[in-house]
Amino acid sequence: MIEAERLLLGKALEDPANQRFVLLSDSCVPMYNFSYIYNYLMASPKSFVDSFLDMKEGRYNPKMSSIIPKHKWRKGSQWITLVRMHAEVVVDDDIILPVFKKFCKRRPPVDESYGRKNIKLQKLHNCIPDEHYVQTLLAMSELEDELERRTLTYTLWNQSTSKMEGKAWHPLTFKYADAGPRHIKSIKDINHVNYETEHRIEWCRSNSTFVSCFLFARKFSKGAAMRLLSEGVVGPFDAAALIDTPH
């Protein structure tokens, strides 16, 4: 996944006109029209990267310590927005990536056909590279002061339990009934994020101005996305709003 992200960023960097780089999934929807999103991103000189100390889980592999000390290990959402300089840092990295390739790998998923062998497999060290790589790379590069340490993509998580996997978190999928104006407004009204591991509240700002935290949301079904469009919940495109956009 992280190598695919690097390829996407590398291709986008070929065009010098591209100044902001937003990673989204195919189930993401915008909360606002294009004009608002463009102005929001361009008004801030910082990247938006959800990044926090990972103190509760065992994803950090001590074998990384010679290159990545534990106090620099970060976790966060893979849905990031980078300014051009930070995108270049990701694409040009040849130090942190090899460490991740060697020591940060996903544990094989549970396969019922393996029977009791699954128990052994689930004891292997488990690491989700796309939730750690960019965050840790930017921390190692001493660039955290240049970040708004939050994601712009809203996700609602649900904890499920299975015999093999134990407790696991999964993003909920919003259906047609969840895509009405009231629910979208509740997402837009969120103005801060609480990071328990750092005892930190991140108030959402863009260039020092308090703003709604999220520009996008996931996971939305096709029906839910079509409702947003058909009912005009997001709002129409306003080209005039781009005229005085700061550069």
C-alpha atoms as a PDB file:
ATOM      1  CA  MET A   1       0.000   0.000   0.000  1.00  0.00           C
ATOM      2  CA  ILE A   2       2.688   2.533   0.918  1.00  0.00           C
ATOM      3  CA  GLU A   3       4.607   1.821  -2.282  1.00  0.00           C
ATOM      4  CA  ALA A   4       1.407   2.436  -4.280  1.00  0.00           C
ATOM      5  CA  GLU A   5       0.976   5.752  -2.449  1.00  0.00           C
ATOM      6  CA  ARG A   6       4.557   6.719  -3.285  1.00  0.00           C
ATOM      7  CA  LEU A   7       3.942   5.946  -6.962  1.00  0.00           C
ATOM      8  CA  LEU A   8       0.791   8.087  -6.988  1.00  0.00           C
ATOM      9  CA  LEU A   9       2.589  10.981  -5.333  1.00  0.00           C
ATOM     10  CA  GLY A  10       5.567  10.628  -7.649  1.00  0.00           C
ATOM     11  CA  LYS A  11       3.330  10.846 -10.714  1.00  0.00           C
ATOM     12  CA  ALA A  12       1.433  13.841  -9.339  1.00  0.00           C
ATOM     13  CA  LEU A  13       4.694  15.651  -8.548  1.00  0.00           C
ATOM     14  CA  GLU A  14       5.620  15.599 -12.231  1.00  0.00           C
ATOM     15  CA  ASP A  15       3.203  18.500 -12.726  1.00  0.00           C
ATOM     16  CA  PRO A  16       4.718  21.593 -11.033  1.00  0.00           C
ATOM     17  CA  ALA A  17       1.237  23.153 -10.818  1.00  0.00           C
ATOM     18  CA  ASN A  18       0.165  20.543  -8.250  1.00  0.00           C
ATOM     19  CA  GLN A  19       0.643  22.000  -4.760  1.00  0.00           C
ATOM     20  CA  ARG A  20      -1.640  19.838  -2.580  1.00  0.00           C
ATOM     21  CA  PHE A  21      -1.843  16.054  -2.627  1.00  0.00           C
ATOM     22  CA  VAL A  22      -4.916  14.371  -1.123  1.00  0.00           C
ATOM     23  CA  LEU A  23      -5.181  10.612  -0.605  1.00  0.00           C
ATOM     24  CA  LEU A  24      -8.769   9.320  -0.577  1.00  0.00           C
ATOM     25  CA  SER A  25     -10.423   5.935  -0.951  1.00  0.00           C
ATOM     26  CA  ASP A  26     -13.119   4.983  -3.469  1.00  0.00           C
ATOM     27  CA  SER A  27     -15.705   5.115  -0.668  1.00  0.00           C
ATOM     28  CA  CYS A  28     -14.919   8.708   0.347  1.00  0.00           C
ATOM     29  CA  VAL A  29     -17.345  11.540  -0.338  1.00  0.00           C
ATOM     30  CA  PRO A  30     -16.820  15.320  -0.053  1.00  0.00           C
ATOM     31  CA  MET A  31     -18.627  17.191   2.725  1.00  0.00           C
ATOM     32  CA  TYR A  32     -18.425  20.484   0.813  1.00  0.00           C
ATOM     33  CA  ASN A  33     -18.283  21.704  -2.755  1.00  0.00           C
ATOM     34  CA  PHE A  34     -15.010  21.941  -4.666  1.00  0.00           C
ATOM     35  CA  SER A  35     -14.583  25.682  -4.116  1.00  0.00           C
ATOM     36  CA  TYR A  36     -14.750  25.377  -0.330  1.00  0.00           C
ATOM     37  CA  ILE A  37     -12.369  22.405  -0.241  1.00  0.00           C
ATOM     38  CA  TYR A  38      -9.874  24.128  -2.538  1.00  0.00           C
ATOM     39  CA  ASN A  39      -9.850  27.310  -0.468  1.00  0.00           C
ATOM     40  CA  TYR A  40      -9.579  25.367   2.805  1.00  0.00           C
ATOM     41  CA  LEU A  41      -6.512  23.463   1.603  1.00  0.00           C
ATOM     42  CA  MET A  42      -4.772  26.347  -0.123  1.00  0.00           C
ATOM     43  CA  ALA A  43      -5.259  28.702   2.832  1.00  0.00           C
ATOM     44  CA  SER A  44      -3.025  26.550   5.020  1.00  0.00           C
ATOM     45  CA  PRO A  45       0.743  26.212   4.488  1.00  0.00           C
ATOM     46  CA  LYS A  46       0.679  22.943   6.448  1.00  0.00           C
ATOM     47  CA  SER A  47       0.013  19.307   5.598  1.00  0.00           C
ATOM     48  CA  PHE A  48      -2.908  17.563   7.291  1.00  0.00           C
ATOM     49  CA  VAL A  49      -1.596  14.292   8.708  1.00  0.00           C
ATOM     50  CA  ASP A  50      -3.261  12.431  11.558  1.00  0.00           C
ATOM     51  CA  SER A  51      -0.251  11.575  13.724  1.00  0.00           C
ATOM     52  CA  PHE A  52       0.055  10.538  17.365  1.00  0.00           C
ATOM     53  CA  LEU A  53       2.192   8.475  19.723  1.00  0.00           C
ATOM     54  CA  ASP A  54       1.349   4.776  19.456  1.00  0.00           C
ATOM     55  CA  MET A  55       1.633   3.644  23.064  1.00  0.00           C
ATOM     56  CA  LYS A  56      -1.187   1.118  23.429  1.00  0.00           C
ATOM     57  CA  GLU A  57      -0.478  -1.381  20.671  1.00  0.00           C
ATOM     58  CA  GLY A  58       2.422  -3.704  19.892  1.00  0.00           C
ATOM     59  CA  ARG A  59       3.024  -2.766  16.273  1.00  0.00           C
ATOM     60  CA  TYR A  60       6.417  -1.233  16.928  1.00  0.00           C
ATOM     61  CA  ASN A  61       9.107  -3.820  16.266  1.00  0.00           C
ATOM     62  CA  PRO A  62      12.174  -3.385  18.516  1.00  0.00           C
ATOM     63  CA  LYS A  63      14.309  -4.556  15.595  1.00  0.00           C
ATOM     64  CA  MET A  64      13.691  -1.125  14.045  1.00  0.00           C
ATOM     65  CA  SER A  65      15.322   0.711  16.911  1.00  0.00           C
ATOM     66  CA  SER A  66      18.713   1.295  15.267  1.00  0.00           C
ATOM     67  CA  ILE A  67      16.993   3.441  12.613  1.00  0.00           C
ATOM     68  CA  ILE A  68      13.591   4.332  14.122  1.00  0.00           C
ATOM     69  CA  PRO A  69      13.669   4.944  17.890  1.00  0.00           C
ATOM     70  CA  LYS A  70      10.439   4.121  19.692  1.00  0.00           C
ATOM     71  CA  HIS A  71       9.789   7.741  20.682  1.00  0.00           C
ATOM     72  CA  LYS A  72       9.572   8.609  16.967  1.00  0.00           C
ATOM     73  CA  TRP A  73       7.071   5.838  16.176  1.00  0.00           C
ATOM     74  CA  ARG A  74       3.746   7.347  15.091  1.00  0.00           C
ATOM     75  CA  LYS A  75       0.309   6.110  14.146  1.00  0.00           C
ATOM     76  CA  GLY A  76      -2.568   7.736  12.271  1.00  0.00           C
ATOM     77  CA  SER A  77      -5.060   7.620   9.454  1.00  0.00           C
ATOM     78  CA  GLN A  78      -3.674   6.812   6.014  1.00  0.00           C
ATOM     79  CA  TRP A  79      -5.981   9.457   4.490  1.00  0.00           C
ATOM     80  CA  ILE A  80      -3.543  12.347   4.357  1.00  0.00           C
ATOM     81  CA  THR A  81      -3.165  15.719   2.645  1.00  0.00           C
ATOM     82  CA  LEU A  82       0.379  16.852   1.886  1.00  0.00           C
ATOM     83  CA  VAL A  83       1.928  20.088   0.710  1.00  0.00           C
ATOM     84  CA  ARG A  84       4.376  19.677  -2.144  1.00  0.00           C
ATOM     85  CA  MET A  85       7.544  19.668  -0.017  1.00  0.00           C
ATOM     86  CA  HIS A  86       6.232  16.868   2.225  1.00  0.00           C
ATOM     87  CA  ALA A  87       5.099  14.836  -0.782  1.00  0.00           C
ATOM     88  CA  GLU A  88       8.664  15.088  -2.069  1.00  0.00           C
ATOM     89  CA  VAL A  89       9.984  13.844   1.284  1.00  0.00           C
ATOM     90  CA  VAL A  90       7.786  10.738   0.972  1.00  0.00           C
ATOM     91  CA  VAL A  91       8.784  10.027  -2.628  1.00  0.00           C
ATOM     92  CA  ASP A  92      12.511  10.612  -2.022  1.00  0.00           C
ATOM     93  CA  ASP A  93      12.740   8.510   1.157  1.00  0.00           C
ATOM     94  CA  ASP A  94      15.273   5.695   0.946  1.00  0.00           C
ATOM     95  CA  ILE A  95      15.946   5.255   4.685  1.00  0.00           C
ATOM     96  CA  ILE A  96      12.650   4.631   6.477  1.00  0.00           C
ATOM     97  CA  LEU A  97      10.972   2.636   3.699  1.00  0.00           C
ATOM     98  CA  PRO A  98      13.496  -0.253   3.743  1.00  0.00           C
ATOM     99  CA  VAL A  99      13.000  -0.567   7.514  1.00  0.00           C
ATOM    100  CA  PHE A 100       9.242  -0.808   7.037  1.00  0.00           C
ATOM    101  CA  LYS A 101       9.621  -3.390   4.290  1.00  0.00           C
ATOM    102  CA  LYS A 102      11.655  -5.566   6.628  1.00  0.00           C
ATOM    103  CA  PHE A 103      10.015  -5.081  10.013  1.00  0.00           C
ATOM    104  CA  CYS A 104       6.496  -3.678   9.490  1.00  0.00           C
ATOM    105  CA  LYS A 105       4.318  -6.268   7.785  1.00  0.00           C
ATOM    106  CA  ARG A 106       0.679  -7.242   8.027  1.00  0.00           C
ATOM    107  CA  ARG A 107      -0.036 -10.500   9.780  1.00  0.00           C
ATOM    108  CA  PRO A 108      -1.734 -13.041   7.457  1.00  0.00           C
ATOM    109  CA  PRO A 109      -5.537 -12.828   7.662  1.00  0.00           C
ATOM    110  CA  VAL A 110      -7.506 -15.572   9.367  1.00  0.00           C
ATOM    111  CA  ASP A 111      -8.243 -18.421   6.939  1.00  0.00           C
ATOM    112  CA  GLU A 112     -10.663 -21.045   8.230  1.00  0.00           C
ATOM    113  CA  SER A 113      -9.086 -23.697   6.004  1.00  0.00           C
ATOM    114  CA  TYR A 114      -5.891 -23.440   8.093  1.00  0.00           C
ATOM    115  CA  GLY A 115      -7.699 -24.657  11.204  1.00  0.00           C
ATOM    116  CA  ARG A 116      -5.575 -24.495  14.354  1.00  0.00           C
ATOM    117  CA  LYS A 117      -2.616 -23.192  12.325  1.00  0.00           C
ATOM    118  CA  ASN A 118      -4.352 -19.817  12.497  1.00  0.00           C
ATOM    119  CA  ILE A 119      -3.569 -19.644  16.209  1.00  0.00           C
ATOM    120  CA  LYS A 120       0.155 -19.766  15.447  1.00  0.00           C
ATOM    121  CA  LEU A 121      -0.122 -17.297  12.575  1.00  0.00           C
ATOM    122  CA  GLN A 122      -1.991 -14.817  14.749  1.00  0.00           C
ATOM    123  CA  LYS A 123       0.937 -14.761  17.159  1.00  0.00           C
ATOM    124  CA  LEU A 124       3.213 -13.302  14.472  1.00  0.00           C
ATOM    125  CA  HIS A 125       4.187  -9.664  14.856  1.00  0.00           C
ATOM    126  CA  ASN A 126       1.530  -7.536  13.216  1.00  0.00           C
ATOM    127  CA  CYS A 127       2.068  -4.089  11.733  1.00  0.00           C
ATOM    128  CA  ILE A 128      -0.161  -2.009   9.441  1.00  0.00           C
ATOM    129  CA  PRO A 129       2.385   0.002   7.417  1.00  0.00           C
ATOM    130  CA  ASP A 130      -0.068   2.454   5.841  1.00  0.00           C
ATOM    131  CA  GLU A 131      -1.148   3.609   9.329  1.00  0.00           C
ATOM    132  CA  HIS A 132       2.435   4.328  10.413  1.00  0.00           C
ATOM    133  CA  TYR A 133       4.751   5.051   7.497  1.00  0.00           C
ATOM    134  CA  VAL A 134       4.103   8.685   6.527  1.00  0.00           C
ATOM    135  CA  GLN A 135       3.544   9.714  10.146  1.00  0.00           C
ATOM    136  CA  THR A 136       6.802   8.116  11.311  1.00  0.00           C
ATOM    137  CA  LEU A 137       8.760   9.396   8.296  1.00  0.00           C
ATOM    138  CA  LEU A 138       7.687  12.992   8.947  1.00  0.00           C
ATOM    139  CA  ALA A 139       8.460  12.641  12.654  1.00  0.00           C
ATOM    140  CA  MET A 140      11.914  11.267  11.822  1.00  0.00           C
ATOM    141  CA  SER A 141      12.404  14.175   9.398  1.00  0.00           C
ATOM    142  CA  GLU A 142      11.628  16.681  12.207  1.00  0.00           C
ATOM    143  CA  LEU A 143       8.677  18.069  10.274  1.00  0.00           C
ATOM    144  CA  GLU A 144       5.871  17.702  12.812  1.00  0.00           C
ATOM    145  CA  ASP A 145       5.787  21.458  13.455  1.00  0.00           C
ATOM    146  CA  GLU A 146       4.782  21.835   9.812  1.00  0.00           C
ATOM    147  CA  LEU A 147       1.702  19.644  10.217  1.00  0.00           C
ATOM    148  CA  GLU A 148      -1.885  20.011  11.278  1.00  0.00           C
ATOM    149  CA  ARG A 149      -1.820  16.678  13.096  1.00  0.00           C
ATOM    150  CA  ARG A 150      -5.269  15.479  12.046  1.00  0.00           C
ATOM    151  CA  THR A 151      -6.949  13.871   9.094  1.00  0.00           C
ATOM    152  CA  LEU A 152      -9.496  15.649   6.917  1.00  0.00           C
ATOM    153  CA  THR A 153     -11.445  12.409   6.368  1.00  0.00           C
ATOM    154  CA  TYR A 154     -14.101  11.374   8.886  1.00  0.00           C
ATOM    155  CA  THR A 155     -14.466   7.669   9.715  1.00  0.00           C
ATOM    156  CA  LEU A 156     -16.808   6.026  12.214  1.00  0.00           C
ATOM    157  CA  TRP A 157     -15.269   2.941  13.784  1.00  0.00           C
ATOM    158  CA  ASN A 158     -16.978  -0.130  15.200  1.00  0.00           C
ATOM    159  CA  GLN A 159     -15.294  -2.761  17.389  1.00  0.00           C
ATOM    160  CA  SER A 160     -16.075  -6.390  16.598  1.00  0.00           C
ATOM    161  CA  THR A 161     -14.897  -9.601  18.208  1.00  0.00           C
ATOM    162  CA  SER A 162     -14.089 -13.011  16.729  1.00  0.00           C
ATOM    163  CA  LYS A 163     -12.476 -16.119  18.189  1.00  0.00           C
ATOM    164  CA  MET A 164      -9.440 -15.895  15.917  1.00  0.00           C
ATOM    165  CA  GLU A 165      -8.914 -12.141  15.606  1.00  0.00           C
ATOM    166  CA  GLY A 166     -10.014 -11.076  19.070  1.00  0.00           C
ATOM    167  CA  LYS A 167     -11.097  -7.446  19.215  1.00  0.00           C
ATOM    168  CA  ALA A 168     -10.763  -5.608  15.925  1.00  0.00           C
ATOM    169  CA  TRP A 169     -11.848  -2.195  14.705  1.00  0.00           C
ATOM    170  CA  HIS A 170     -13.638  -1.788  11.377  1.00  0.00           C
ATOM    171  CA  PRO A 171     -14.970   1.336   9.644  1.00  0.00           C
ATOM    172  CA  LEU A 172     -18.757   1.445   9.401  1.00  0.00           C
ATOM    173  CA  THR A 173     -20.331   1.865   5.978  1.00  0.00           C
ATOM    174  CA  PHE A 174     -22.941   4.608   5.685  1.00  0.00           C
ATOM    175  CA  LYS A 175     -26.051   3.559   3.789  1.00  0.00           C
ATOM    176  CA  TYR A 176     -28.690   5.604   1.953  1.00  0.00           C
ATOM    177  CA  ALA A 177     -30.552   6.394   5.191  1.00  0.00           C
ATOM    178  CA  ASP A 178     -27.380   7.808   6.759  1.00  0.00           C
ATOM    179  CA  ALA A 179     -26.758  10.387   4.047  1.00  0.00           C
ATOM    180  CA  GLY A 180     -29.406  12.938   4.958  1.00  0.00           C
ATOM    181  CA  PRO A 181     -28.733  16.596   5.811  1.00  0.00           C
ATOM    182  CA  ARG A 182     -28.953  16.063   9.593  1.00  0.00           C
ATOM    183  CA  HIS A 183     -26.252  13.384   9.652  1.00  0.00           C
ATOM    184  CA  ILE A 184     -23.954  15.302   7.308  1.00  0.00           C
ATOM    185  CA  LYS A 185     -24.374  18.408   9.472  1.00  0.00           C
ATOM    186  CA  SER A 186     -23.359  16.410  12.579  1.00  0.00           C
ATOM    187  CA  ILE A 187     -20.063  15.538  10.842  1.00  0.00           C
ATOM    188  CA  LYS A 188     -19.521  19.138   9.707  1.00  0.00           C
ATOM    189  CA  ASP A 189     -20.108  20.382  13.267  1.00  0.00           C
ATOM    190  CA  ILE A 190     -17.110  18.473  14.676  1.00  0.00           C
ATOM    191  CA  ASN A 191     -14.467  21.059  15.585  1.00  0.00           C
ATOM    192  CA  HIS A 192     -11.856  19.117  17.603  1.00  0.00           C
ATOM    193  CA  VAL A 193     -10.221  15.698  17.948  1.00  0.00           C
ATOM    194  CA  ASN A 194      -9.151  14.140  21.252  1.00  0.00           C
ATOM    195  CA  TYR A 195      -5.858  12.199  21.276  1.00  0.00           C
ATOM    196  CA  GLU A 196      -5.894  10.154  24.468  1.00  0.00           C
ATOM    197  CA  THR A 197      -2.338   8.768  24.204  1.00  0.00           C
ATOM    198  CA  GLU A 198      -0.897  12.279  24.165  1.00  0.00           C
ATOM    199  CA  HIS A 199      -3.487  13.901  26.457  1.00  0.00           C
ATOM    200  CA  ARG A 200      -3.990  16.359  23.625  1.00  0.00           C
ATOM    201  CA  ILE A 201      -7.025  18.024  22.088  1.00  0.00           C
ATOM    202  CA  GLU A 202      -6.464  19.096  18.497  1.00  0.00           C
ATOM    203  CA  TRP A 203      -8.700  22.066  17.719  1.00  0.00           C
ATOM    204  CA  CYS A 204      -9.266  22.200  14.008  1.00  0.00           C
ATOM    205  CA  ARG A 205      -7.708  25.179  12.269  1.00  0.00           C
ATOM    206  CA  SER A 206      -6.772  26.203   8.769  1.00  0.00           C
ATOM    207  CA  ASN A 207      -4.148  28.960   8.734  1.00  0.00           C
ATOM    208  CA  SER A 208      -4.972  29.819  12.383  1.00  0.00           C
ATOM    209  CA  THR A 209      -8.716  30.112  11.697  1.00  0.00           C
ATOM    210  CA  PHE A 210     -11.034  27.693  13.514  1.00  0.00           C
ATOM    211  CA  VAL A 211     -12.851  25.493  11.011  1.00  0.00           C
ATOM    212  CA  SER A 212     -14.797  22.272  10.702  1.00  0.00           C
ATOM    213  CA  CYS A 213     -12.454  19.291  11.090  1.00  0.00           C
ATOM    214  CA  PHE A 214     -13.510  17.225   8.101  1.00  0.00           C
ATOM    215  CA  LEU A 215     -13.719  17.875   4.373  1.00  0.00           C
ATOM    216  CA  PHE A 216     -14.421  14.260   3.442  1.00  0.00           C
ATOM    217  CA  ALA A 217     -16.066  11.209   5.011  1.00  0.00           C
ATOM    218  CA  ARG A 218     -16.041   7.443   4.513  1.00  0.00           C
ATOM    219  CA  LYS A 219     -17.189   4.737   3.989  1.00  0.00           C
ATOM    220  CA  PHE A 220     -20.263   5.648   1.925  1.00  0.00           C
ATOM    221  CA  SER A 221     -22.194   3.142  -0.152  1.00  0.00           C
ATOM    222  CA  LYS A 222     -23.011   4.009  -3.765  1.00  0.00           C
ATOM    223  CA  GLY A 223     -26.628   4.665  -2.764  1.00  0.00           C
ATOM    224  CA  ALA A 224     -25.580   7.029   0.009  1.00  0.00           C
ATOM    225  CA  ALA A 225     -23.242   8.913  -2.316  1.00  0.00           C
ATOM    226  CA  MET A 226     -25.993   9.282  -4.932  1.00  0.00           C
ATOM    227  CA  ARG A 227     -28.330  10.695  -2.276  1.00  0.00           C
ATOM    228  CA  LEU A 228     -25.781  13.369  -1.418  1.00  0.00           C
ATOM    229  CA  LEU A 229     -25.673  14.401  -5.072  1.00  0.00           C
ATOM    230  CA  SER A 230     -29.382  14.151  -5.861  1.00  0.00           C
ATOM    231  CA  GLU A 231     -30.511  16.080  -2.775  1.00  0.00           C
ATOM    232  CA  GLY A 232     -27.765  18.689  -2.998  1.00  0.00           C
ATOM    233  CA  VAL A 233     -26.598  17.959   0.542  1.00  0.00           C
ATOM    234  CA  VAL A 234     -23.004  18.944  -0.281  1.00  0.00           C
ATOM    235  CA  GLY A 235     -23.960  22.069  -2.214  1.00  0.00           C
ATOM    236  CA  PRO A 236     -23.397  23.349  -5.742  1.00  0.00           C
ATOM    237  CA  PHE A 237     -20.028  24.171  -7.249  1.00  0.00           C
ATOM    238  CA  ASP A 238     -19.220  27.880  -6.874  1.00  0.00           C
ATOM    239  CA  ALA A 239     -16.567  28.905  -9.408  1.00  0.00           C
ATOM    240  CA  ALA A 240     -16.596  32.533  -8.224  1.00  0.00           C
ATOM    241  CA  ALA A 241     -15.127  31.468  -4.894  1.00  0.00           C
ATOM    242  CA  LEU A 242     -11.855  30.602  -6.659  1.00  0.00           C
ATOM    243  CA  ILE A 243     -11.155  34.102  -7.969  1.00  0.00           C
ATOM    244  CA  ASP A 244      -9.471  35.456  -4.839  1.00  0.00           C
ATOM    245  CA  THR A 245      -7.965  32.192  -3.621  1.00  0.00           C
ATOM    246  CA  PRO A 246      -4.566  32.736  -1.916  1.00  0.00           C
ATOM    247  CA  HIS A 247      -1.565  31.041  -3.536  1.00  0.00           C
END
